[in-house]
Amino acid sequence: MTEYSTSDDAWAALQWNRPEHGDGILLAFRRDKAAEAKILAASHGLDPEADYEISYEDYGLTLVKSGSEIMSGIEIKIPDPRGSLLVKYRRR
């Protein structure tokens, strides 16, 4: 979801997709010197016509978006440097 970098000012965001189950997770890390508190991360391998329930686990927030919207990019926000965020999604 992000380009590989070992820089202290970069974000790292990864996706694990299980198309056979219609679900997966996104895991994002904001490194120590990353200036921006949020990024736009585009997922891959989803059904653009299907709806997905997205759960931002750390915030207790659940949204419904289309596969097309998610693959265009969803906002990942981590207010504190050296933080992480787990996002789960599942096809409805």
Protein backbone atom coordinates (compact mmCIF):
# COMPACT_ATOMS: atom_id res chain seq x y z
CA MET A 1 0.00 0.00 0.00
CA THR A 2 3.03 2.22 0.50
CA GLU A 3 6.41 2.02 -1.16
CA TYR A 4 9.10 0.17 0.75
CA SER A 5 11.26 2.52 2.80
CA THR A 6 13.37 2.28 5.93
CA SER A 7 13.38 6.06 6.39
CA ASP A 8 12.28 7.44 9.78
CA ASP A 9 9.99 9.93 8.03
CA ALA A 10 8.01 7.37 6.02
CA TRP A 11 4.79 5.50 6.61
CA ALA A 12 4.44 1.75 6.12
CA ALA A 13 1.02 0.34 5.21
CA LEU A 14 0.39 -3.30 4.30
CA GLN A 15 -2.66 -5.26 3.18
CA TRP A 16 -3.48 -8.92 3.69
CA ASN A 17 -6.44 -9.86 1.51
CA ARG A 18 -8.38 -13.13 1.65
CA PRO A 19 -10.53 -13.05 -1.51
CA GLU A 20 -11.87 -16.56 -0.83
CA HIS A 21 -13.39 -15.23 2.42
CA GLY A 22 -14.15 -11.70 1.23
CA ASP A 23 -12.15 -10.10 4.02
CA GLY A 24 -8.75 -8.87 5.05
CA ILE A 25 -6.80 -6.40 7.11
CA LEU A 26 -4.78 -3.25 6.59
CA LEU A 27 -1.96 -2.50 9.01
CA ALA A 28 -0.35 0.94 9.01
CA PHE A 29 2.64 2.30 10.90
CA ARG A 30 3.58 5.96 11.25
CA ARG A 31 7.29 6.21 11.86
CA ASP A 32 8.94 8.54 14.35
CA LYS A 33 9.66 11.47 12.00
CA ALA A 34 6.69 11.15 9.61
CA ALA A 35 5.32 14.72 9.49
CA GLU A 36 1.82 13.93 8.20
CA ALA A 37 -0.74 12.48 10.63
CA LYS A 38 -2.72 10.83 7.81
CA ILE A 39 -2.26 9.19 4.43
CA LEU A 40 -4.54 7.97 1.67
CA ALA A 41 -4.01 4.23 1.18
CA ALA A 42 -5.42 2.29 -1.77
CA SER A 43 -6.28 -1.39 -1.31
CA HIS A 44 -6.08 -4.04 -4.00
CA GLY A 45 -7.98 -7.16 -5.00
CA LEU A 46 -11.48 -6.18 -3.89
CA ASP A 47 -14.71 -6.50 -5.85
CA PRO A 48 -15.40 -2.94 -7.07
CA GLU A 49 -19.17 -3.59 -7.16
CA ALA A 50 -19.46 -5.07 -3.65
CA ASP A 51 -19.97 -3.22 -0.37
CA TYR A 52 -17.49 -3.75 2.45
CA GLU A 53 -17.72 -3.06 6.15
CA ILE A 54 -14.53 -1.32 7.29
CA SER A 55 -13.65 -1.38 11.00
CA TYR A 56 -11.02 1.03 12.30
CA GLU A 57 -10.18 -1.15 15.30
CA ASP A 58 -8.26 1.42 17.36
CA TYR A 59 -11.02 4.02 17.06
CA GLY A 60 -14.12 1.82 17.39
CA LEU A 61 -15.37 3.22 14.08
CA THR A 62 -17.14 1.14 11.42
CA LEU A 63 -18.05 2.40 7.93
CA VAL A 64 -19.52 0.87 4.79
CA LYS A 65 -17.83 1.64 1.47
CA SER A 66 -17.83 0.10 -1.96
CA GLY A 67 -14.87 -1.91 -3.16
CA SER A 68 -14.31 0.78 -5.77
CA GLU A 69 -14.06 3.48 -3.07
CA ILE A 70 -11.64 1.43 -0.98
CA MET A 71 -9.43 0.68 -3.96
CA SER A 72 -9.38 4.41 -4.79
CA GLY A 73 -8.04 5.06 -1.29
CA ILE A 74 -9.21 5.33 2.30
CA GLU A 75 -7.89 7.71 4.91
CA ILE A 76 -5.54 6.22 7.46
CA LYS A 77 -5.00 8.56 10.41
CA ILE A 78 -2.49 8.03 13.20
CA PRO A 79 -2.22 11.17 15.33
CA ASP A 80 0.97 10.19 17.20
CA PRO A 81 4.35 9.39 15.67
CA ARG A 82 5.48 5.80 16.20
CA GLY A 83 1.85 4.70 16.20
CA SER A 84 -0.04 2.01 14.34
CA LEU A 85 -3.57 1.32 13.15
CA LEU A 86 -5.37 -1.92 12.35
CA VAL A 87 -8.25 -1.76 9.86
CA LYS A 88 -10.37 -4.85 9.16
CA TYR A 89 -12.70 -5.18 6.20
CA ARG A 90 -15.25 -7.75 5.11
CA ARG A 91 -17.60 -8.07 2.21
CA ARG A 92 -21.27 -7.55 3.11
